[in-house]
Each structure stands twice: as structure tokens, then as C-alpha cells.
């Protein structure tokens, strides 16, 4: 196993050893493959419950971000800095739904 590697709690495979990145949620410390957590969040049933896609599948902590990362950061100042850097980068990307002030942004 690679140093700093962890098993994804969805697929149960080592993340770094499989050439993948971590998908870090801002309000929990569970390790996920970026692909696994994105897939899980995309497969909710809108008719049954509209909110589970914004939660951790393990602890159900609400989380609005999935942050791609080469290292697993579980908490503390490093995680706060990672979240800040990621949200700053997101502000630079135009919303595809807003359409230059002609559309509606659902976020």
C-alpha cells in the first residue's frame, strides 16, 4: 500500500494504489475515490428524497463540495485551507446555468 493511501469506503479499493484521487467532503473525514463519491451523489432518487446527494453516504453529514485531492486531509487547518483554495477556484468558473445573466443559477 502507498504511504498516505486509504481504502474508499464505497468500493473498498485503495485509492492512490489504483491511480485515483481522493474526493474530500468538507464536513466529514471519510475517504472516497473521487469517481465513487461523484457517482454516488449523482444516483439519488429525486422523487423519494431530494437531499441525500448532498450528504456523506456513511455519516450523512451535509456537504456541498466534493474536493479533488492527491492526499487525504481529514480535518484541521489543512482542510480549511483546502476548502478555501477550492472555493476560490470555483468563483473563477462561470456558471453554465446562469448564461451571462440570461439564465437561472440553481446553485
PDB file of N, CA and C in Angstrom:
ATOM      1  N   UNK A   1       0.838  -1.178   0.000  1.00  0.00           N
ATOM      2  CA  UNK A   1       0.000   0.000   0.000  1.00  0.00           C
ATOM      3  C   UNK A   1       0.885   1.243   0.000  1.00  0.00           C
ATOM      4  N   UNK A   2       0.491   2.250  -0.717  1.00  0.00           N
ATOM      5  CA  UNK A   2       1.231   3.504  -0.811  1.00  0.00           C
ATOM      6  C   UNK A   2       1.045   4.300   0.482  1.00  0.00           C
ATOM      7  N   UNK A   3       2.106   4.952   0.944  1.00  0.00           N
ATOM      8  CA  UNK A   3       2.021   5.767   2.143  1.00  0.00           C
ATOM      9  C   UNK A   3       0.981   6.861   1.952  1.00  0.00           C
ATOM     10  N   UNK A   4       0.104   7.021   2.932  1.00  0.00           N
ATOM     11  CA  UNK A   4      -0.949   8.020   2.860  1.00  0.00           C
ATOM     12  C   UNK A   4      -2.181   7.531   2.119  1.00  0.00           C
ATOM     13  N   UNK A   5      -2.124   6.292   1.610  1.00  0.00           N
ATOM     14  CA  UNK A   5      -3.267   5.742   0.883  1.00  0.00           C
ATOM     15  C   UNK A   5      -4.331   5.276   1.874  1.00  0.00           C
ATOM     16  N   UNK A   6      -5.559   5.263   1.430  1.00  0.00           N
ATOM     17  CA  UNK A   6      -6.672   4.758   2.223  1.00  0.00           C
ATOM     18  C   UNK A   6      -7.612   4.036   1.293  1.00  0.00           C
ATOM     19  N   UNK A   7      -8.447   3.187   1.876  1.00  0.00           N
ATOM     20  CA  UNK A   7      -9.459   2.497   1.086  1.00  0.00           C
ATOM     21  C   UNK A   7     -10.699   3.366   0.977  1.00  0.00           C
ATOM     22  N   UNK A   8     -11.268   3.415  -0.201  1.00  0.00           N
ATOM     23  CA  UNK A   8     -12.527   4.108  -0.430  1.00  0.00           C
ATOM     24  C   UNK A   8     -13.616   3.345   0.323  1.00  0.00           C
ATOM     25  N   UNK A   9     -14.451   4.051   1.064  1.00  0.00           N
ATOM     26  CA  UNK A   9     -15.491   3.381   1.840  1.00  0.00           C
ATOM     27  C   UNK A   9     -16.678   2.955   0.970  1.00  0.00           C
ATOM     28  N   UNK A  10     -16.647   3.283  -0.310  1.00  0.00           N
ATOM     29  CA  UNK A  10     -17.697   2.835  -1.227  1.00  0.00           C
ATOM     30  C   UNK A  10     -17.251   1.584  -1.971  1.00  0.00           C
ATOM     31  N   UNK A  11     -16.121   1.643  -2.678  1.00  0.00           N
ATOM     32  CA  UNK A  11     -15.662   0.497  -3.485  1.00  0.00           C
ATOM     33  C   UNK A  11     -14.705  -0.425  -2.732  1.00  0.00           C
ATOM     34  N   UNK A  12     -14.223   0.032  -1.574  1.00  0.00           N
ATOM     35  CA  UNK A  12     -13.306  -0.727  -0.716  1.00  0.00           C
ATOM     36  C   UNK A  12     -11.966  -1.036  -1.377  1.00  0.00           C
ATOM     37  N   UNK A  13     -11.566  -0.219  -2.343  1.00  0.00           N
ATOM     38  CA  UNK A  13     -10.285  -0.365  -3.039  1.00  0.00           C
ATOM     39  C   UNK A  13      -9.334   0.728  -2.555  1.00  0.00           C
ATOM     40  N   UNK A  14      -8.023   0.462  -2.544  1.00  0.00           N
ATOM     41  CA  UNK A  14      -7.071   1.526  -2.212  1.00  0.00           C
ATOM     42  C   UNK A  14      -7.112   2.611  -3.283  1.00  0.00           C
ATOM     43  N   UNK A  15      -7.157   3.845  -2.876  1.00  0.00           N
ATOM     44  CA  UNK A  15      -7.371   4.964  -3.800  1.00  0.00           C
ATOM     45  C   UNK A  15      -6.107   5.288  -4.591  1.00  0.00           C
ATOM     46  N   UNK A  16      -5.024   5.606  -3.916  1.00  0.00           N
ATOM     47  CA  UNK A  16      -3.802   6.010  -4.606  1.00  0.00           C
ATOM     48  C   UNK A  16      -3.182   4.848  -5.380  1.00  0.00           C
ATOM     49  N   UNK A  17      -3.248   3.637  -4.831  1.00  0.00           N
ATOM     50  CA  UNK A  17      -2.667   2.473  -5.498  1.00  0.00           C
ATOM     51  C   UNK A  17      -3.360   2.185  -6.829  1.00  0.00           C
ATOM     52  N   UNK A  18      -4.592   2.635  -6.985  1.00  0.00           N
ATOM     53  CA  UNK A  18      -5.329   2.460  -8.239  1.00  0.00           C
ATOM     54  C   UNK A  18      -5.227   3.677  -9.152  1.00  0.00           C
ATOM     55  N   UNK A  19      -4.318   4.603  -8.816  1.00  0.00           N
ATOM     56  CA  UNK A  19      -4.100   5.775  -9.667  1.00  0.00           C
ATOM     57  C   UNK A  19      -5.230   6.783  -9.618  1.00  0.00           C
ATOM     58  N   UNK A  20      -6.007   6.778  -8.544  1.00  0.00           N
ATOM     59  CA  UNK A  20      -7.142   7.689  -8.411  1.00  0.00           C
ATOM     60  C   UNK A  20      -6.825   8.806  -7.423  1.00  0.00           C
ATOM     61  N   UNK A  21      -7.716   9.778  -7.384  1.00  0.00           N
ATOM     62  CA  UNK A  21      -7.607  10.875  -6.427  1.00  0.00           C
ATOM     63  C   UNK A  21      -8.692  10.726  -5.369  1.00  0.00           C
ATOM     64  N   UNK A  22      -8.471  11.372  -4.240  1.00  0.00           N
ATOM     65  CA  UNK A  22      -9.469  11.409  -3.187  1.00  0.00           C
ATOM     66  C   UNK A  22     -10.558  12.410  -3.555  1.00  0.00           C
ATOM     67  N   UNK A  23     -11.778  12.121  -3.152  1.00  0.00           N
ATOM     68  CA  UNK A  23     -12.883  13.064  -3.233  1.00  0.00           C
ATOM     69  C   UNK A  23     -13.221  13.439  -1.806  1.00  0.00           C
ATOM     70  N   UNK A  24     -12.811  14.615  -1.381  1.00  0.00           N
ATOM     71  CA  UNK A  24     -12.950  15.033   0.018  1.00  0.00           C
ATOM     72  C   UNK A  24     -14.216  15.849   0.191  1.00  0.00           C
ATOM     73  N   UNK A  25     -15.016  15.474   1.187  1.00  0.00           N
ATOM     74  CA  UNK A  25     -16.216  16.235   1.552  1.00  0.00           C
ATOM     75  C   UNK A  25     -15.843  17.189   2.671  1.00  0.00           C
ATOM     76  N   UNK A  26     -16.400  18.401   2.645  1.00  0.00           N
ATOM     77  CA  UNK A  26     -15.938  19.399   3.607  1.00  0.00           C
ATOM     78  C   UNK A  26     -16.374  19.133   5.042  1.00  0.00           C
ATOM     79  N   UNK A  27     -17.413  18.355   5.276  1.00  0.00           N
ATOM     80  CA  UNK A  27     -17.913  18.185   6.639  1.00  0.00           C
ATOM     81  C   UNK A  27     -17.789  16.777   7.213  1.00  0.00           C
ATOM     82  N   UNK A  28     -16.961  15.952   6.616  1.00  0.00           N
ATOM     83  CA  UNK A  28     -16.710  14.627   7.200  1.00  0.00           C
ATOM     84  C   UNK A  28     -15.285  14.196   6.830  1.00  0.00           C
ATOM     85  N   UNK A  29     -14.850  13.087   7.428  1.00  0.00           N
ATOM     86  CA  UNK A  29     -13.468  12.640   7.218  1.00  0.00           C
ATOM     87  C   UNK A  29     -13.397  11.264   6.570  1.00  0.00           C
ATOM     88  N   UNK A  30     -14.478  10.816   5.945  1.00  0.00           N
ATOM     89  CA  UNK A  30     -14.452   9.503   5.298  1.00  0.00           C
ATOM     90  C   UNK A  30     -13.708   9.578   3.967  1.00  0.00           C
ATOM     91  N   UNK A  31     -12.871   8.576   3.682  1.00  0.00           N
ATOM     92  CA  UNK A  31     -12.128   8.576   2.418  1.00  0.00           C
ATOM     93  C   UNK A  31     -12.957   7.993   1.270  1.00  0.00           C
ATOM     94  N   UNK A  32     -12.969   8.702   0.151  1.00  0.00           N
ATOM     95  CA  UNK A  32     -13.673   8.264  -1.057  1.00  0.00           C
ATOM     96  C   UNK A  32     -12.765   8.437  -2.266  1.00  0.00           C
ATOM     97  N   UNK A  33     -12.938   7.569  -3.256  1.00  0.00           N
ATOM     98  CA  UNK A  33     -12.390   7.839  -4.590  1.00  0.00           C
ATOM     99  C   UNK A  33     -13.218   9.000  -5.129  1.00  0.00           C
ATOM    100  N   UNK A  34     -12.592   9.885  -5.859  1.00  0.00           N
ATOM    101  CA  UNK A  34     -13.325  10.997  -6.452  1.00  0.00           C
ATOM    102  C   UNK A  34     -14.475  10.486  -7.310  1.00  0.00           C
ATOM    103  N   UNK A  35     -14.220   9.455  -8.117  1.00  0.00           N
ATOM    104  CA  UNK A  35     -15.248   8.914  -9.000  1.00  0.00           C
ATOM    105  C   UNK A  35     -16.390   8.283  -8.217  1.00  0.00           C
ATOM    106  N   UNK A  36     -16.070   7.541  -7.161  1.00  0.00           N
ATOM    107  CA  UNK A  36     -17.106   6.866  -6.370  1.00  0.00           C
ATOM    108  C   UNK A  36     -18.056   7.861  -5.718  1.00  0.00           C
ATOM    109  N   UNK A  37     -17.521   8.898  -5.090  1.00  0.00           N
ATOM    110  CA  UNK A  37     -18.398   9.841  -4.389  1.00  0.00           C
ATOM    111  C   UNK A  37     -19.201  10.660  -5.394  1.00  0.00           C
ATOM    112  N   UNK A  38     -18.610  11.010  -6.533  1.00  0.00           N
ATOM    113  CA  UNK A  38     -19.379  11.729  -7.557  1.00  0.00           C
ATOM    114  C   UNK A  38     -20.489  10.845  -8.115  1.00  0.00           C
ATOM    115  N   UNK A  39     -20.186   9.579  -8.374  1.00  0.00           N
ATOM    116  CA  UNK A  39     -21.215   8.652  -8.865  1.00  0.00           C
ATOM    117  C   UNK A  39     -22.325   8.473  -7.836  1.00  0.00           C
ATOM    118  N   UNK A  40     -21.950   8.305  -6.582  1.00  0.00           N
ATOM    119  CA  UNK A  40     -22.955   8.110  -5.536  1.00  0.00           C
ATOM    120  C   UNK A  40     -23.879   9.321  -5.436  1.00  0.00           C
ATOM    121  N   UNK A  41     -23.299  10.510  -5.493  1.00  0.00           N
ATOM    122  CA  UNK A  41     -24.101  11.727  -5.374  1.00  0.00           C
ATOM    123  C   UNK A  41     -24.984  11.953  -6.598  1.00  0.00           C
ATOM    124  N   UNK A  42     -24.654  11.332  -7.716  1.00  0.00           N
ATOM    125  CA  UNK A  42     -25.448  11.503  -8.931  1.00  0.00           C
ATOM    126  C   UNK A  42     -26.581  10.478  -9.049  1.00  0.00           C
ATOM    127  N   UNK A  43     -26.655   9.493  -8.157  1.00  0.00           N
ATOM    128  CA  UNK A  43     -27.623   8.413  -8.320  1.00  0.00           C
ATOM    129  C   UNK A  43     -28.753   8.446  -7.290  1.00  0.00           C
ATOM    130  N   UNK A  44     -29.140   9.601  -6.834  1.00  0.00           N
ATOM    131  CA  UNK A  44     -30.242   9.680  -5.881  1.00  0.00           C
ATOM    132  C   UNK A  44     -31.578   9.685  -6.615  1.00  0.00           C
ATOM    133  N   UNK A  45     -32.624   9.308  -5.915  1.00  0.00           N
ATOM    134  CA  UNK A  45     -33.977   9.302  -6.466  1.00  0.00           C
ATOM    135  C   UNK A  45     -34.660  10.607  -6.062  1.00  0.00           C
ATOM    136  N   UNK A  46     -34.847  11.501  -7.001  1.00  0.00           N
ATOM    137  CA  UNK A  46     -35.423  12.812  -6.714  1.00  0.00           C
ATOM    138  C   UNK A  46     -36.847  12.724  -6.182  1.00  0.00           C
ATOM    139  N   UNK A  47     -37.555  11.653  -6.489  1.00  0.00           N
ATOM    140  CA  UNK A  47     -38.937  11.509  -6.035  1.00  0.00           C
ATOM    141  C   UNK A  47     -39.008  11.105  -4.561  1.00  0.00           C
ATOM    142  N   UNK A  48     -38.015  10.360  -4.102  1.00  0.00           N
ATOM    143  CA  UNK A  48     -38.056   9.854  -2.735  1.00  0.00           C
ATOM    144  C   UNK A  48     -37.484  10.876  -1.751  1.00  0.00           C
ATOM    145  N   UNK A  49     -36.244  11.240  -1.947  1.00  0.00           N
ATOM    146  CA  UNK A  49     -35.602  12.192  -1.047  1.00  0.00           C
ATOM    147  C   UNK A  49     -34.621  13.031  -1.845  1.00  0.00           C
ATOM    148  N   UNK A  50     -34.823  14.322  -1.834  1.00  0.00           N
ATOM    149  CA  UNK A  50     -34.041  15.207  -2.686  1.00  0.00           C
ATOM    150  C   UNK A  50     -32.728  15.641  -2.064  1.00  0.00           C
ATOM    151  N   UNK A  51     -32.470  15.281  -0.835  1.00  0.00           N
ATOM    152  CA  UNK A  51     -31.285  15.828  -0.164  1.00  0.00           C
ATOM    153  C   UNK A  51     -30.129  14.852   0.025  1.00  0.00           C
ATOM    154  N   UNK A  52     -30.317  13.560  -0.174  1.00  0.00           N
ATOM    155  CA  UNK A  52     -29.219  12.652   0.167  1.00  0.00           C
ATOM    156  C   UNK A  52     -27.985  12.854  -0.701  1.00  0.00           C
ATOM    157  N   UNK A  53     -28.140  13.442  -1.873  1.00  0.00           N
ATOM    158  CA  UNK A  53     -26.973  13.650  -2.724  1.00  0.00           C
ATOM    159  C   UNK A  53     -26.044  14.722  -2.175  1.00  0.00           C
ATOM    160  N   UNK A  54     -26.459  15.443  -1.177  1.00  0.00           N
ATOM    161  CA  UNK A  54     -25.605  16.453  -0.556  1.00  0.00           C
ATOM    162  C   UNK A  54     -25.124  16.000   0.822  1.00  0.00           C
ATOM    163  N   UNK A  55     -25.062  14.687   1.021  1.00  0.00           N
ATOM    164  CA  UNK A  55     -24.613  14.161   2.299  1.00  0.00           C
ATOM    165  C   UNK A  55     -23.551  13.085   2.084  1.00  0.00           C
ATOM    166  N   UNK A  56     -22.837  12.792   3.169  1.00  0.00           N
ATOM    167  CA  UNK A  56     -21.893  11.671   3.158  1.00  0.00           C
ATOM    168  C   UNK A  56     -22.703  10.378   3.205  1.00  0.00           C
ATOM    169  N   UNK A  57     -22.387   9.397   2.372  1.00  0.00           N
ATOM    170  CA  UNK A  57     -23.148   8.145   2.401  1.00  0.00           C
ATOM    171  C   UNK A  57     -22.940   7.326   3.678  1.00  0.00           C
ATOM    172  N   UNK A  58     -21.937   7.654   4.458  1.00  0.00           N
ATOM    173  CA  UNK A  58     -21.656   6.911   5.685  1.00  0.00           C
ATOM    174  C   UNK A  58     -22.263   7.600   6.903  1.00  0.00           C
ATOM    175  N   UNK A  59     -21.902   8.859   7.138  1.00  0.00           N
ATOM    176  CA  UNK A  59     -22.348   9.556   8.356  1.00  0.00           C
ATOM    177  C   UNK A  59     -23.494  10.536   8.116  1.00  0.00           C
ATOM    178  N   UNK A  60     -23.847  10.748   6.863  1.00  0.00           N
ATOM    179  CA  UNK A  60     -24.947  11.651   6.463  1.00  0.00           C
ATOM    180  C   UNK A  60     -24.696  13.117   6.806  1.00  0.00           C
ATOM    181  N   UNK A  61     -23.450  13.482   7.039  1.00  0.00           N
ATOM    182  CA  UNK A  61     -23.122  14.900   7.241  1.00  0.00           C
ATOM    183  C   UNK A  61     -23.372  15.643   5.939  1.00  0.00           C
ATOM    184  N   UNK A  62     -24.029  16.777   6.039  1.00  0.00           N
ATOM    185  CA  UNK A  62     -24.320  17.569   4.845  1.00  0.00           C
ATOM    186  C   UNK A  62     -23.022  18.131   4.278  1.00  0.00           C
ATOM    187  N   UNK A  63     -22.907  18.063   2.965  1.00  0.00           N
ATOM    188  CA  UNK A  63     -21.693  18.509   2.301  1.00  0.00           C
ATOM    189  C   UNK A  63     -22.032  18.993   0.895  1.00  0.00           C
ATOM    190  N   UNK A  64     -21.651  20.210   0.588  1.00  0.00           N
ATOM    191  CA  UNK A  64     -21.956  20.777  -0.725  1.00  0.00           C
ATOM    192  C   UNK A  64     -20.804  20.674  -1.707  1.00  0.00           C
ATOM    193  N   UNK A  65     -19.630  20.304  -1.219  1.00  0.00           N
ATOM    194  CA  UNK A  65     -18.451  20.240  -2.084  1.00  0.00           C
ATOM    195  C   UNK A  65     -17.878  18.836  -2.128  1.00  0.00           C
ATOM    196  N   UNK A  66     -17.362  18.457  -3.287  1.00  0.00           N
ATOM    197  CA  UNK A  66     -16.518  17.277  -3.432  1.00  0.00           C
ATOM    198  C   UNK A  66     -15.203  17.818  -3.979  1.00  0.00           C
ATOM    199  N   UNK A  67     -14.178  17.806  -3.151  1.00  0.00           N
ATOM    200  CA  UNK A  67     -12.909  18.435  -3.488  1.00  0.00           C
ATOM    201  C   UNK A  67     -11.916  17.374  -3.965  1.00  0.00           C
ATOM    202  N   UNK A  68     -11.468  17.460  -5.212  1.00  0.00           N
ATOM    203  CA  UNK A  68     -10.442  16.526  -5.693  1.00  0.00           C
ATOM    204  C   UNK A  68      -9.113  16.804  -4.983  1.00  0.00           C
ATOM    205  N   UNK A  69      -8.437  15.734  -4.566  1.00  0.00           N
ATOM    206  CA  UNK A  69      -7.173  15.919  -3.866  1.00  0.00           C
ATOM    207  C   UNK A  69      -6.271  14.698  -4.058  1.00  0.00           C
ATOM    208  N   UNK A  70      -4.979  14.944  -4.140  1.00  0.00           N
ATOM    209  CA  UNK A  70      -3.993  13.868  -4.255  1.00  0.00           C
ATOM    210  C   UNK A  70      -3.644  13.284  -2.893  1.00  0.00           C
ATOM    211  N   UNK A  71      -4.039  13.969  -1.812  1.00  0.00           N
ATOM    212  CA  UNK A  71      -3.787  13.495  -0.452  1.00  0.00           C
ATOM    213  C   UNK A  71      -5.086  13.546   0.342  1.00  0.00           C
ATOM    214  N   UNK A  72      -5.194  12.674   1.317  1.00  0.00           N
ATOM    215  CA  UNK A  72      -6.368  12.662   2.178  1.00  0.00           C
ATOM    216  C   UNK A  72      -6.140  13.612   3.333  1.00  0.00           C
ATOM    217  N   UNK A  73      -7.013  14.583   3.460  1.00  0.00           N
ATOM    218  CA  UNK A  73      -6.949  15.545   4.559  1.00  0.00           C
ATOM    219  C   UNK A  73      -8.251  15.407   5.327  1.00  0.00           C
ATOM    220  N   UNK A  74      -8.151  15.022   6.595  1.00  0.00           N
ATOM    221  CA  UNK A  74      -9.354  14.718   7.367  1.00  0.00           C
ATOM    222  C   UNK A  74      -9.894  15.895   8.160  1.00  0.00           C
ATOM    223  N   UNK A  75      -9.067  16.876   8.461  1.00  0.00           N
ATOM    224  CA  UNK A  75      -9.568  17.990   9.259  1.00  0.00           C
ATOM    225  C   UNK A  75      -8.480  18.990   9.570  1.00  0.00           C
ATOM    226  N   UNK A  76      -8.830  19.932  10.408  1.00  0.00           N
ATOM    227  CA  UNK A  76      -7.878  20.928  10.878  1.00  0.00           C
ATOM    228  C   UNK A  76      -7.626  22.056   9.894  1.00  0.00           C
ATOM    229  N   UNK A  77      -6.530  22.758  10.141  1.00  0.00           N
ATOM    230  CA  UNK A  77      -6.175  23.920   9.325  1.00  0.00           C
ATOM    231  C   UNK A  77      -5.904  23.550   7.873  1.00  0.00           C
ATOM    232  N   UNK A  78      -5.311  22.368   7.652  1.00  0.00           N
ATOM    233  CA  UNK A  78      -5.040  21.941   6.270  1.00  0.00           C
ATOM    234  C   UNK A  78      -6.339  21.790   5.486  1.00  0.00           C
ATOM    235  N   UNK A  79      -7.355  21.237   6.108  1.00  0.00           N
ATOM    236  CA  UNK A  79      -8.635  21.050   5.427  1.00  0.00           C
ATOM    237  C   UNK A  79      -9.302  22.401   5.188  1.00  0.00           C
ATOM    238  N   UNK A  80      -9.240  23.285   6.165  1.00  0.00           N
ATOM    239  CA  UNK A  80      -9.797  24.630   5.991  1.00  0.00           C
ATOM    240  C   UNK A  80      -9.132  25.337   4.814  1.00  0.00           C
ATOM    241  N   UNK A  81      -7.814  25.201   4.707  1.00  0.00           N
ATOM    242  CA  UNK A  81      -7.083  25.821   3.608  1.00  0.00           C
ATOM    243  C   UNK A  81      -7.463  25.189   2.273  1.00  0.00           C
ATOM    244  N   UNK A  82      -7.602  23.860   2.233  1.00  0.00           N
ATOM    245  CA  UNK A  82      -8.005  23.161   1.015  1.00  0.00           C
ATOM    246  C   UNK A  82      -9.386  23.634   0.552  1.00  0.00           C
ATOM    247  N   UNK A  83     -10.322  23.751   1.473  1.00  0.00           N
ATOM    248  CA  UNK A  83     -11.678  24.208   1.148  1.00  0.00           C
ATOM    249  C   UNK A  83     -11.639  25.623   0.616  1.00  0.00           C
ATOM    250  N   UNK A  84     -10.869  26.497   1.262  1.00  0.00           N
ATOM    251  CA  UNK A  84     -10.763  27.895   0.832  1.00  0.00           C
ATOM    252  C   UNK A  84     -10.170  27.996  -0.575  1.00  0.00           C
ATOM    253  N   UNK A  85      -9.101  27.256  -0.830  1.00  0.00           N
ATOM    254  CA  UNK A  85      -8.476  27.281  -2.157  1.00  0.00           C
ATOM    255  C   UNK A  85      -9.428  26.758  -3.235  1.00  0.00           C
ATOM    256  N   UNK A  86     -10.168  25.707  -2.902  1.00  0.00           N
ATOM    257  CA  UNK A  86     -11.100  25.122  -3.876  1.00  0.00           C
ATOM    258  C   UNK A  86     -12.265  26.071  -4.162  1.00  0.00           C
ATOM    259  N   UNK A  87     -12.837  26.671  -3.123  1.00  0.00           N
ATOM    260  CA  UNK A  87     -13.959  27.588  -3.355  1.00  0.00           C
ATOM    261  C   UNK A  87     -13.495  28.840  -4.086  1.00  0.00           C
ATOM    262  N   UNK A  88     -12.285  29.313  -3.808  1.00  0.00           N
ATOM    263  CA  UNK A  88     -11.746  30.456  -4.553  1.00  0.00           C
ATOM    264  C   UNK A  88     -11.614  30.116  -6.035  1.00  0.00           C
ATOM    265  N   UNK A  89     -11.162  28.900  -6.333  1.00  0.00           N
ATOM    266  CA  UNK A  89     -11.029  28.466  -7.726  1.00  0.00           C
ATOM    267  C   UNK A  89     -12.407  28.348  -8.392  1.00  0.00           C
ATOM    268  N   UNK A  90     -13.404  27.912  -7.643  1.00  0.00           N
ATOM    269  CA  UNK A  90     -14.758  27.785  -8.207  1.00  0.00           C
ATOM    270  C   UNK A  90     -15.356  29.142  -8.591  1.00  0.00           C
ATOM    271  N   UNK A  91     -15.020  30.185  -7.823  1.00  0.00           N
ATOM    272  CA  UNK A  91     -15.532  31.519  -8.129  1.00  0.00           C
ATOM    273  C   UNK A  91     -15.049  32.023  -9.484  1.00  0.00           C
ATOM    274  N   UNK A  92     -13.942  31.489  -9.962  1.00  0.00           N
ATOM    275  CA  UNK A  92     -13.378  31.904 -11.246  1.00  0.00           C
ATOM    276  C   UNK A  92     -14.066  31.235 -12.443  1.00  0.00           C
ATOM    277  N   UNK A  93     -14.856  30.192 -12.188  1.00  0.00           N
ATOM    278  CA  UNK A  93     -15.516  29.449 -13.264  1.00  0.00           C
ATOM    279  C   UNK A  93     -16.931  29.974 -13.444  1.00  0.00           C
ATOM    280  N   UNK A  94     -17.280  30.442 -14.638  1.00  0.00           N
ATOM    281  CA  UNK A  94     -18.644  30.932 -14.858  1.00  0.00           C
ATOM    282  C   UNK A  94     -19.667  29.797 -14.745  1.00  0.00           C
ATOM    283  N   UNK A  95     -20.813  30.091 -14.174  1.00  0.00           N
ATOM    284  CA  UNK A  95     -21.867  29.096 -14.020  1.00  0.00           C
ATOM    285  C   UNK A  95     -22.497  28.827 -15.380  1.00  0.00           C
ATOM    286  N   UNK A  96     -22.508  27.571 -15.788  1.00  0.00           N
ATOM    287  CA  UNK A  96     -23.053  27.218 -17.102  1.00  0.00           C
ATOM    288  C   UNK A  96     -24.563  27.392 -17.147  1.00  0.00           C
ATOM    289  N   UNK A  97     -25.226  27.420 -15.997  1.00  0.00           N
ATOM    290  CA  UNK A  97     -26.669  27.585 -15.952  1.00  0.00           C
ATOM    291  C   UNK A  97     -27.074  29.054 -16.041  1.00  0.00           C
ATOM    292  N   UNK A  98     -26.197  29.933 -15.555  1.00  0.00           N
ATOM    293  CA  UNK A  98     -26.540  31.356 -15.482  1.00  0.00           C
ATOM    294  C   UNK A  98     -26.542  32.020 -16.852  1.00  0.00           C
ATOM    295  N   UNK A  99     -25.700  31.556 -17.772  1.00  0.00           N
ATOM    296  CA  UNK A  99     -25.728  32.013 -19.162  1.00  0.00           C
ATOM    297  C   UNK A  99     -25.586  33.529 -19.314  1.00  0.00           C
ATOM    298  N   UNK A 100     -24.516  34.088 -18.763  1.00  0.00           N
ATOM    299  CA  UNK A 100     -24.227  35.522 -18.890  1.00  0.00           C
ATOM    300  C   UNK A 100     -25.411  36.411 -18.514  1.00  0.00           C
ATOM    301  N   UNK A 101     -25.959  36.194 -17.342  1.00  0.00           N
ATOM    302  CA  UNK A 101     -27.086  36.962 -16.803  1.00  0.00           C
ATOM    303  C   UNK A 101     -28.410  36.741 -17.543  1.00  0.00           C
ATOM    304  N   UNK A 102     -28.488  35.736 -18.379  1.00  0.00           N
ATOM    305  CA  UNK A 102     -29.724  35.454 -19.133  1.00  0.00           C
ATOM    306  C   UNK A 102     -30.424  34.206 -18.632  1.00  0.00           C
ATOM    307  N   UNK A 103     -29.812  33.532 -17.686  1.00  0.00           N
ATOM    308  CA  UNK A 103     -30.381  32.262 -17.226  1.00  0.00           C
ATOM    309  C   UNK A 103     -30.658  32.279 -15.744  1.00  0.00           C
ATOM    310  N   UNK A 104     -30.784  31.094 -15.215  1.00  0.00           N
ATOM    311  CA  UNK A 104     -31.055  30.912 -13.798  1.00  0.00           C
ATOM    312  C   UNK A 104     -29.994  29.987 -13.222  1.00  0.00           C
ATOM    313  N   UNK A 105     -29.354  30.399 -12.141  1.00  0.00           N
ATOM    314  CA  UNK A 105     -28.351  29.569 -11.490  1.00  0.00           C
ATOM    315  C   UNK A 105     -28.991  28.820 -10.332  1.00  0.00           C
ATOM    316  N   UNK A 106     -29.087  27.492 -10.411  1.00  0.00           N
ATOM    317  CA  UNK A 106     -29.706  26.724  -9.327  1.00  0.00           C
ATOM    318  C   UNK A 106     -28.829  26.585  -8.102  1.00  0.00           C
ATOM    319  N   UNK A 107     -27.614  27.108  -8.152  1.00  0.00           N
ATOM    320  CA  UNK A 107     -26.704  26.977  -7.027  1.00  0.00           C
ATOM    321  C   UNK A 107     -26.553  28.276  -6.279  1.00  0.00           C
TER     322      UNK A 107
END
